[in-house]
Amino acid sequence: MKPKLIAPLLLIAISITACAQNSKQEVTTGLKQDDSFPITKTDDEWKKELTPEQYYVMRQEGTERAFTGKYWDNHEKGTYYCAACRQPLFSSDTKFDSGTGWPSFWQPLNKSAIVERHDPSAGMDRTEVVCSRCGGHLGHVFPDGPAPTGLRYCINSVSLQFSQSEK
């Protein structure tokens, strides 16, 4: 392999590893018991409202596989909402191609729309991002994004619902 290709490929591999958890891995953690959010429902209620994949990601802190979600390559203009409670989360104006296979944004629509918390799972020290209204797991935020924030909100497509802007 050419030396000039090694660094970009290594960066992509590290980014994918940082976002991903093996989708077959059994998830043993869920929302923390001390968390409280304006929208609270029982597990049975969430299971009735969400698809099995949404429940796995949003309520059991799972991760969809890279390059499989419906929004990782979406280039339409509009707003991304929480798939569980429909709270506006991200604008397409802050979406960028991170090369990781997940939708990536350099900032949320409103900082109060999300909650960030320490996540030491999967053998890494990361910052988890959840919806501030329903507590649904969205993904993680990393300090390797573009200007002006330098942040990369790496979000699961299944945690989002997109609404295209009026033209």
N, C-alpha and C. Protein backbone atom coordinates (compact mmCIF):
# COMPACT_ATOMS: atom_id res chain seq x y z
N MET A 1 0.84 -1.17 0.00
CA MET A 1 0.00 0.00 0.00
C MET A 1 0.88 1.23 0.00
N LYS A 2 0.47 2.26 -0.74
CA LYS A 2 1.25 3.49 -0.82
C LYS A 2 1.21 4.23 0.50
N PRO A 3 2.36 4.79 0.93
CA PRO A 3 2.41 5.49 2.22
C PRO A 3 1.41 6.63 2.33
N LYS A 4 1.10 7.34 1.22
CA LYS A 4 0.16 8.46 1.27
C LYS A 4 -1.26 8.01 1.57
N LEU A 5 -1.59 6.74 1.33
CA LEU A 5 -2.93 6.23 1.57
C LEU A 5 -3.13 5.73 2.99
N ILE A 6 -2.04 5.42 3.68
CA ILE A 6 -2.14 4.83 5.00
C ILE A 6 -2.79 5.78 6.01
N ALA A 7 -2.36 7.04 6.06
CA ALA A 7 -2.91 7.99 7.04
C ALA A 7 -4.41 8.20 6.87
N PRO A 8 -4.92 8.48 5.63
CA PRO A 8 -6.38 8.65 5.50
C PRO A 8 -7.15 7.39 5.85
N LEU A 9 -6.64 6.23 5.47
CA LEU A 9 -7.34 4.98 5.79
C LEU A 9 -7.33 4.72 7.29
N LEU A 10 -6.23 5.04 7.95
CA LEU A 10 -6.15 4.88 9.39
C LEU A 10 -7.14 5.81 10.09
N LEU A 11 -7.25 7.05 9.62
CA LEU A 11 -8.20 8.00 10.19
C LEU A 11 -9.64 7.51 10.04
N ILE A 12 -9.98 6.97 8.88
CA ILE A 12 -11.32 6.43 8.66
C ILE A 12 -11.58 5.26 9.59
N ALA A 13 -10.61 4.37 9.72
CA ALA A 13 -10.77 3.20 10.59
C ALA A 13 -10.97 3.62 12.05
N ILE A 14 -10.22 4.61 12.50
CA ILE A 14 -10.36 5.09 13.88
C ILE A 14 -11.72 5.73 14.08
N SER A 15 -12.18 6.52 13.11
CA SER A 15 -13.49 7.18 13.21
C SER A 15 -14.61 6.16 13.27
N ILE A 16 -14.53 5.16 12.42
CA ILE A 16 -15.57 4.13 12.40
C ILE A 16 -15.57 3.36 13.72
N THR A 17 -14.40 3.03 14.21
CA THR A 17 -14.32 2.31 15.48
C THR A 17 -14.86 3.16 16.62
N ALA A 18 -14.59 4.46 16.59
CA ALA A 18 -15.06 5.34 17.65
C ALA A 18 -16.58 5.46 17.67
N CYS A 19 -17.22 5.39 16.52
CA CYS A 19 -18.68 5.51 16.47
C CYS A 19 -19.36 4.17 16.69
N ALA A 20 -18.72 3.11 16.26
CA ALA A 20 -19.42 1.82 16.18
C ALA A 20 -19.30 1.01 17.45
N GLN A 21 -20.34 0.23 17.64
CA GLN A 21 -20.32 -0.87 18.57
C GLN A 21 -20.82 -2.03 17.74
N ASN A 22 -20.34 -3.21 18.00
CA ASN A 22 -20.80 -4.36 17.23
C ASN A 22 -22.30 -4.49 17.39
N SER A 23 -23.03 -4.48 16.27
CA SER A 23 -24.49 -4.51 16.34
C SER A 23 -25.01 -5.82 16.89
N LYS A 24 -24.18 -6.87 16.93
CA LYS A 24 -24.60 -8.14 17.50
C LYS A 24 -24.29 -8.22 18.99
N GLN A 25 -23.52 -7.23 19.48
CA GLN A 25 -23.16 -7.21 20.89
C GLN A 25 -24.43 -7.02 21.73
N GLU A 26 -24.55 -7.80 22.77
CA GLU A 26 -25.71 -7.66 23.65
C GLU A 26 -25.56 -6.38 24.45
N VAL A 27 -26.59 -5.58 24.43
CA VAL A 27 -26.57 -4.32 25.16
C VAL A 27 -27.11 -4.57 26.56
N THR A 28 -26.31 -4.25 27.54
CA THR A 28 -26.73 -4.49 28.91
C THR A 28 -27.02 -3.19 29.63
N THR A 29 -26.70 -2.06 29.00
CA THR A 29 -26.97 -0.79 29.64
C THR A 29 -28.16 -0.13 28.98
N GLY A 30 -28.88 0.65 29.73
CA GLY A 30 -29.99 1.42 29.21
C GLY A 30 -29.90 2.81 29.78
N LEU A 31 -30.96 3.55 29.73
CA LEU A 31 -30.94 4.88 30.31
C LEU A 31 -30.68 4.77 31.80
N LYS A 32 -29.92 5.69 32.30
CA LYS A 32 -29.56 5.66 33.71
C LYS A 32 -30.82 5.88 34.55
N GLN A 33 -30.91 5.21 35.66
CA GLN A 33 -32.09 5.28 36.52
C GLN A 33 -32.32 6.68 37.08
N ASP A 34 -31.26 7.48 37.23
CA ASP A 34 -31.43 8.80 37.82
C ASP A 34 -31.77 9.88 36.78
N ASP A 35 -31.84 9.52 35.51
CA ASP A 35 -32.20 10.48 34.49
C ASP A 35 -33.70 10.75 34.52
N SER A 36 -34.09 11.99 34.36
CA SER A 36 -35.50 12.31 34.22
C SER A 36 -35.66 13.24 33.03
N PHE A 37 -36.68 13.00 32.24
CA PHE A 37 -36.93 13.77 31.03
C PHE A 37 -38.41 14.14 31.00
N PRO A 38 -38.76 15.21 30.30
CA PRO A 38 -40.18 15.61 30.23
C PRO A 38 -41.10 14.51 29.69
N ILE A 39 -40.63 13.72 28.74
CA ILE A 39 -41.43 12.61 28.22
C ILE A 39 -40.89 11.32 28.80
N THR A 40 -41.70 10.66 29.59
CA THR A 40 -41.31 9.37 30.17
C THR A 40 -42.37 8.34 29.82
N LYS A 41 -41.92 7.17 29.44
CA LYS A 41 -42.81 6.07 29.08
C LYS A 41 -42.19 4.78 29.59
N THR A 42 -43.02 3.78 29.73
CA THR A 42 -42.52 2.46 30.13
C THR A 42 -41.84 1.81 28.94
N ASP A 43 -41.06 0.77 29.20
CA ASP A 43 -40.43 0.02 28.11
C ASP A 43 -41.49 -0.52 27.15
N ASP A 44 -42.60 -1.02 27.69
CA ASP A 44 -43.66 -1.55 26.83
C ASP A 44 -44.24 -0.47 25.93
N GLU A 45 -44.41 0.74 26.46
CA GLU A 45 -44.93 1.84 25.64
C GLU A 45 -43.94 2.19 24.52
N TRP A 46 -42.63 2.25 24.85
CA TRP A 46 -41.63 2.55 23.83
C TRP A 46 -41.60 1.44 22.78
N LYS A 47 -41.70 0.20 23.21
CA LYS A 47 -41.67 -0.93 22.26
C LYS A 47 -42.84 -0.86 21.28
N LYS A 48 -43.98 -0.37 21.73
CA LYS A 48 -45.15 -0.23 20.85
C LYS A 48 -44.98 0.92 19.85
N GLU A 49 -44.27 1.97 20.26
CA GLU A 49 -44.13 3.17 19.42
C GLU A 49 -42.93 3.13 18.47
N LEU A 50 -41.90 2.43 18.85
CA LEU A 50 -40.66 2.41 18.06
C LEU A 50 -40.52 1.10 17.31
N THR A 51 -39.79 1.13 16.20
CA THR A 51 -39.47 -0.11 15.51
C THR A 51 -38.46 -0.87 16.39
N PRO A 52 -38.28 -2.17 16.15
CA PRO A 52 -37.28 -2.90 16.94
C PRO A 52 -35.88 -2.27 16.86
N GLU A 53 -35.48 -1.79 15.68
CA GLU A 53 -34.16 -1.17 15.55
C GLU A 53 -34.11 0.16 16.30
N GLN A 54 -35.18 0.96 16.22
CA GLN A 54 -35.22 2.21 16.98
C GLN A 54 -35.15 1.94 18.48
N TYR A 55 -35.88 0.94 18.94
CA TYR A 55 -35.85 0.60 20.36
C TYR A 55 -34.44 0.18 20.79
N TYR A 56 -33.81 -0.66 19.99
CA TYR A 56 -32.45 -1.12 20.29
C TYR A 56 -31.48 0.05 20.41
N VAL A 57 -31.54 0.98 19.46
CA VAL A 57 -30.61 2.12 19.47
C VAL A 57 -31.01 3.16 20.50
N MET A 58 -32.26 3.59 20.47
CA MET A 58 -32.67 4.73 21.29
C MET A 58 -32.92 4.42 22.76
N ARG A 59 -33.34 3.20 23.07
CA ARG A 59 -33.66 2.87 24.46
C ARG A 59 -32.62 1.95 25.09
N GLN A 60 -31.83 1.23 24.26
CA GLN A 60 -30.82 0.33 24.80
C GLN A 60 -29.40 0.76 24.44
N GLU A 61 -29.27 1.96 23.90
CA GLU A 61 -27.98 2.56 23.55
C GLU A 61 -27.18 1.73 22.55
N GLY A 62 -27.88 1.14 21.59
CA GLY A 62 -27.22 0.40 20.53
C GLY A 62 -26.69 1.33 19.45
N THR A 63 -26.16 0.75 18.40
CA THR A 63 -25.64 1.52 17.27
C THR A 63 -25.99 0.79 15.98
N GLU A 64 -26.49 1.54 15.01
CA GLU A 64 -26.73 0.93 13.70
C GLU A 64 -25.39 0.76 12.99
N ARG A 65 -25.33 -0.14 12.05
CA ARG A 65 -24.08 -0.37 11.31
C ARG A 65 -23.78 0.80 10.38
N ALA A 66 -22.51 1.10 10.24
CA ALA A 66 -22.07 2.20 9.37
C ALA A 66 -22.54 1.99 7.93
N PHE A 67 -22.86 3.09 7.27
CA PHE A 67 -23.26 3.13 5.86
C PHE A 67 -24.56 2.38 5.58
N THR A 68 -25.38 2.13 6.62
CA THR A 68 -26.65 1.44 6.40
C THR A 68 -27.86 2.31 6.70
N GLY A 69 -27.69 3.39 7.41
CA GLY A 69 -28.81 4.25 7.78
C GLY A 69 -29.29 5.10 6.62
N LYS A 70 -30.54 5.52 6.69
CA LYS A 70 -31.14 6.25 5.57
C LYS A 70 -30.66 7.69 5.45
N TYR A 71 -30.00 8.25 6.46
CA TYR A 71 -29.61 9.66 6.38
C TYR A 71 -28.10 9.91 6.28
N TRP A 72 -27.26 8.89 6.34
CA TRP A 72 -25.82 9.14 6.33
C TRP A 72 -25.38 9.86 5.06
N ASP A 73 -26.08 9.65 3.94
CA ASP A 73 -25.72 10.28 2.67
C ASP A 73 -26.82 11.21 2.16
N ASN A 74 -27.68 11.67 3.06
CA ASN A 74 -28.76 12.57 2.67
C ASN A 74 -28.20 13.98 2.46
N HIS A 75 -28.51 14.58 1.31
CA HIS A 75 -28.01 15.93 1.01
C HIS A 75 -29.14 16.93 0.84
N GLU A 76 -30.36 16.55 1.19
CA GLU A 76 -31.51 17.45 1.09
C GLU A 76 -31.44 18.50 2.20
N LYS A 77 -32.05 19.64 1.95
CA LYS A 77 -32.11 20.71 2.95
C LYS A 77 -33.33 20.48 3.84
N GLY A 78 -33.13 20.63 5.15
CA GLY A 78 -34.25 20.45 6.07
C GLY A 78 -33.79 20.31 7.50
N THR A 79 -34.68 19.74 8.30
CA THR A 79 -34.45 19.60 9.74
C THR A 79 -34.53 18.14 10.14
N TYR A 80 -33.65 17.74 11.04
CA TYR A 80 -33.63 16.39 11.60
C TYR A 80 -34.26 16.44 13.00
N TYR A 81 -35.25 15.60 13.23
CA TYR A 81 -35.99 15.54 14.48
C TYR A 81 -35.69 14.23 15.21
N CYS A 82 -35.94 14.21 16.52
CA CYS A 82 -35.84 12.97 17.29
C CYS A 82 -36.92 12.02 16.78
N ALA A 83 -36.56 10.80 16.46
CA ALA A 83 -37.50 9.82 15.92
C ALA A 83 -38.52 9.38 16.98
N ALA A 84 -38.21 9.56 18.26
CA ALA A 84 -39.12 9.13 19.31
C ALA A 84 -40.12 10.20 19.74
N CYS A 85 -39.67 11.46 19.82
CA CYS A 85 -40.56 12.52 20.34
C CYS A 85 -40.73 13.70 19.40
N ARG A 86 -40.04 13.69 18.28
CA ARG A 86 -40.15 14.73 17.24
C ARG A 86 -39.59 16.10 17.64
N GLN A 87 -38.72 16.13 18.62
CA GLN A 87 -38.06 17.39 18.97
C GLN A 87 -37.05 17.74 17.88
N PRO A 88 -37.02 19.00 17.40
CA PRO A 88 -36.01 19.40 16.42
C PRO A 88 -34.61 19.31 17.02
N LEU A 89 -33.69 18.65 16.30
CA LEU A 89 -32.35 18.43 16.83
C LEU A 89 -31.23 19.07 16.02
N PHE A 90 -31.23 18.83 14.70
CA PHE A 90 -30.13 19.28 13.85
C PHE A 90 -30.66 19.85 12.54
N SER A 91 -29.90 20.77 11.97
CA SER A 91 -30.23 21.35 10.67
C SER A 91 -29.29 20.76 9.61
N SER A 92 -29.81 20.61 8.41
CA SER A 92 -28.96 20.14 7.31
C SER A 92 -27.83 21.14 7.04
N ASP A 93 -28.00 22.39 7.47
CA ASP A 93 -26.95 23.40 7.28
C ASP A 93 -25.68 23.08 8.06
N THR A 94 -25.79 22.24 9.10
CA THR A 94 -24.61 21.89 9.89
C THR A 94 -24.18 20.44 9.67
N LYS A 95 -24.79 19.78 8.70
CA LYS A 95 -24.44 18.39 8.39
C LYS A 95 -23.21 18.38 7.48
N PHE A 96 -22.34 17.41 7.67
CA PHE A 96 -21.15 17.29 6.82
C PHE A 96 -20.80 15.82 6.65
N ASP A 97 -20.02 15.54 5.62
CA ASP A 97 -19.60 14.16 5.35
C ASP A 97 -18.33 13.88 6.13
N SER A 98 -18.48 13.10 7.21
CA SER A 98 -17.34 12.77 8.05
C SER A 98 -16.59 11.54 7.57
N GLY A 99 -17.19 10.81 6.61
CA GLY A 99 -16.56 9.60 6.11
C GLY A 99 -16.77 8.39 7.02
N THR A 100 -17.57 8.55 8.08
CA THR A 100 -17.75 7.47 9.05
C THR A 100 -18.92 6.55 8.72
N GLY A 101 -19.86 7.02 7.89
CA GLY A 101 -21.03 6.21 7.56
C GLY A 101 -22.24 6.50 8.42
N TRP A 102 -22.15 7.53 9.27
CA TRP A 102 -23.28 7.98 10.07
C TRP A 102 -23.50 9.46 9.77
N PRO A 103 -24.73 9.95 9.90
CA PRO A 103 -24.95 11.39 9.75
C PRO A 103 -24.11 12.13 10.79
N SER A 104 -23.42 13.16 10.34
CA SER A 104 -22.56 13.93 11.24
C SER A 104 -22.90 15.41 11.12
N PHE A 105 -22.91 16.08 12.26
CA PHE A 105 -23.26 17.49 12.34
C PHE A 105 -22.22 18.19 13.20
N TRP A 106 -21.96 19.49 12.92
CA TRP A 106 -21.00 20.19 13.74
C TRP A 106 -21.64 20.98 14.88
N GLN A 107 -22.99 21.01 14.93
CA GLN A 107 -23.67 21.57 16.10
C GLN A 107 -25.15 21.23 16.06
N PRO A 108 -25.80 21.15 17.22
CA PRO A 108 -27.24 20.94 17.24
C PRO A 108 -27.97 22.25 16.92
N LEU A 109 -29.26 22.14 16.61
CA LEU A 109 -30.07 23.34 16.36
C LEU A 109 -30.06 24.25 17.58
N ASN A 110 -30.18 23.64 18.73
CA ASN A 110 -30.23 24.36 19.99
C ASN A 110 -29.53 23.49 21.02
N LYS A 111 -28.60 24.03 21.75
CA LYS A 111 -27.84 23.24 22.74
C LYS A 111 -28.76 22.60 23.78
N SER A 112 -29.93 23.22 24.03
CA SER A 112 -30.84 22.65 25.03
C SER A 112 -31.63 21.45 24.49
N ALA A 113 -31.53 21.16 23.20
CA ALA A 113 -32.24 20.03 22.60
C ALA A 113 -31.57 18.70 22.90
N ILE A 114 -30.32 18.75 23.35
CA ILE A 114 -29.57 17.53 23.63
C ILE A 114 -28.99 17.55 25.03
N VAL A 115 -28.68 16.38 25.52
CA VAL A 115 -27.96 16.23 26.78
C VAL A 115 -26.71 15.42 26.46
N GLU A 116 -25.58 15.89 26.94
CA GLU A 116 -24.33 15.17 26.76
C GLU A 116 -23.93 14.57 28.10
N ARG A 117 -23.46 13.32 28.05
CA ARG A 117 -23.02 12.68 29.29
C ARG A 117 -21.87 11.71 29.01
N HIS A 118 -21.07 11.52 30.03
CA HIS A 118 -19.90 10.65 29.94
C HIS A 118 -20.33 9.21 29.65
N ASP A 119 -19.63 8.55 28.73
CA ASP A 119 -19.94 7.17 28.36
C ASP A 119 -18.63 6.37 28.29
N PRO A 120 -18.33 5.60 29.33
CA PRO A 120 -17.10 4.82 29.33
C PRO A 120 -17.25 3.42 28.72
N SER A 121 -18.39 3.14 28.06
CA SER A 121 -18.64 1.80 27.52
C SER A 121 -17.76 1.50 26.32
N ALA A 122 -17.78 0.28 25.90
CA ALA A 122 -17.05 -0.22 24.72
C ALA A 122 -15.55 0.02 24.82
N GLY A 123 -15.03 0.12 26.05
CA GLY A 123 -13.60 0.28 26.24
C GLY A 123 -13.05 1.64 25.81
N MET A 124 -13.95 2.62 25.66
CA MET A 124 -13.53 3.96 25.24
C MET A 124 -14.11 5.00 26.19
N ASP A 125 -13.50 6.16 26.21
CA ASP A 125 -14.01 7.29 26.97
C ASP A 125 -14.67 8.23 25.97
N ARG A 126 -16.01 8.23 25.93
CA ARG A 126 -16.73 9.02 24.93
C ARG A 126 -17.77 9.90 25.61
N THR A 127 -18.39 10.76 24.79
CA THR A 127 -19.48 11.60 25.26
C THR A 127 -20.73 11.20 24.49
N GLU A 128 -21.70 10.64 25.21
CA GLU A 128 -22.97 10.23 24.61
C GLU A 128 -23.86 11.45 24.43
N VAL A 129 -24.71 11.40 23.38
CA VAL A 129 -25.68 12.46 23.12
C VAL A 129 -27.06 11.84 23.16
N VAL A 130 -27.95 12.42 24.01
CA VAL A 130 -29.34 11.96 24.09
C VAL A 130 -30.28 13.14 23.89
N CYS A 131 -31.50 12.84 23.48
CA CYS A 131 -32.54 13.85 23.32
C CYS A 131 -32.92 14.38 24.71
N SER A 132 -32.99 15.70 24.85
CA SER A 132 -33.31 16.29 26.15
C SER A 132 -34.78 16.16 26.50
N ARG A 133 -35.62 15.83 25.54
CA ARG A 133 -37.06 15.71 25.81
C ARG A 133 -37.45 14.29 26.24
N CYS A 134 -36.92 13.27 25.53
CA CYS A 134 -37.35 11.89 25.83
C CYS A 134 -36.21 11.00 26.32
N GLY A 135 -34.97 11.48 26.27
CA GLY A 135 -33.83 10.68 26.73
C GLY A 135 -33.36 9.64 25.75
N GLY A 136 -33.88 9.67 24.52
CA GLY A 136 -33.48 8.70 23.52
C GLY A 136 -32.02 8.85 23.12
N HIS A 137 -31.32 7.73 23.07
CA HIS A 137 -29.91 7.72 22.65
C HIS A 137 -29.83 8.11 21.18
N LEU A 138 -29.00 9.11 20.87
CA LEU A 138 -28.83 9.58 19.51
C LEU A 138 -27.50 9.12 18.91
N GLY A 139 -26.45 9.18 19.69
CA GLY A 139 -25.11 8.83 19.22
C GLY A 139 -24.07 9.38 20.18
N HIS A 140 -22.98 9.89 19.62
CA HIS A 140 -21.88 10.43 20.42
C HIS A 140 -21.35 11.70 19.76
N VAL A 141 -20.64 12.51 20.54
CA VAL A 141 -19.99 13.71 20.01
C VAL A 141 -18.49 13.56 20.25
N PHE A 142 -17.72 13.95 19.22
CA PHE A 142 -16.26 13.83 19.25
C PHE A 142 -15.63 15.18 18.90
N PRO A 143 -14.42 15.45 19.40
CA PRO A 143 -13.76 16.74 19.15
C PRO A 143 -12.93 16.76 17.86
N ASP A 144 -13.41 16.11 16.80
CA ASP A 144 -12.64 16.06 15.56
C ASP A 144 -13.45 16.55 14.35
N GLY A 145 -14.38 17.46 14.60
CA GLY A 145 -15.22 17.98 13.52
C GLY A 145 -14.64 19.24 12.89
N PRO A 146 -15.37 19.78 11.93
CA PRO A 146 -14.90 20.97 11.21
C PRO A 146 -15.17 22.26 11.99
N ALA A 147 -14.59 23.35 11.51
CA ALA A 147 -14.88 24.69 12.05
C ALA A 147 -16.35 24.98 11.74
N PRO A 148 -17.01 25.76 12.48
CA PRO A 148 -16.47 26.62 13.54
C PRO A 148 -16.41 25.98 14.92
N THR A 149 -17.06 24.84 15.15
CA THR A 149 -17.10 24.27 16.50
C THR A 149 -16.00 23.25 16.77
N GLY A 150 -15.52 22.59 15.72
CA GLY A 150 -14.54 21.52 15.91
C GLY A 150 -15.16 20.25 16.44
N LEU A 151 -16.50 20.17 16.45
CA LEU A 151 -17.20 19.01 16.98
C LEU A 151 -17.80 18.17 15.86
N ARG A 152 -17.94 16.87 16.14
CA ARG A 152 -18.61 15.94 15.23
C ARG A 152 -19.66 15.18 16.02
N TYR A 153 -20.92 15.56 15.83
CA TYR A 153 -22.02 14.81 16.42
C TYR A 153 -22.30 13.65 15.49
N CYS A 154 -21.92 12.46 15.89
CA CYS A 154 -22.05 11.23 15.11
C CYS A 154 -23.36 10.57 15.55
N ILE A 155 -24.39 10.68 14.70
CA ILE A 155 -25.76 10.35 15.11
C ILE A 155 -26.28 9.16 14.30
N ASN A 156 -27.00 8.27 14.94
CA ASN A 156 -27.63 7.14 14.26
C ASN A 156 -28.81 7.63 13.42
N SER A 157 -28.88 7.23 12.16
CA SER A 157 -30.02 7.59 11.31
C SER A 157 -31.34 7.15 11.92
N VAL A 158 -31.34 5.97 12.52
CA VAL A 158 -32.58 5.42 13.07
C VAL A 158 -33.12 6.26 14.23
N SER A 159 -32.28 7.10 14.82
CA SER A 159 -32.70 7.98 15.91
C SER A 159 -33.29 9.29 15.38
N LEU A 160 -33.26 9.46 14.08
CA LEU A 160 -33.68 10.71 13.46
C LEU A 160 -34.89 10.54 12.55
N GLN A 161 -35.61 11.62 12.37
CA GLN A 161 -36.66 11.72 11.36
C GLN A 161 -36.38 13.03 10.63
N PHE A 162 -36.33 12.98 9.31
CA PHE A 162 -35.98 14.15 8.50
C PHE A 162 -37.21 14.78 7.89
N SER A 163 -37.26 16.10 7.90
CA SER A 163 -38.33 16.84 7.23
C SER A 163 -37.66 17.83 6.29
N GLN A 164 -37.95 17.65 5.00
CA GLN A 164 -37.35 18.52 3.98
C GLN A 164 -37.92 19.91 4.05
N SER A 165 -37.06 20.92 3.82
CA SER A 165 -37.49 22.32 3.84
C SER A 165 -38.39 22.60 2.66
N GLU A 166 -39.30 23.56 2.87
CA GLU A 166 -40.13 24.04 1.76
C GLU A 166 -39.23 24.79 0.80
N LYS A 167 -39.49 24.64 -0.48
CA LYS A 167 -38.61 25.32 -1.47
C LYS A 167 -39.14 26.67 -1.84
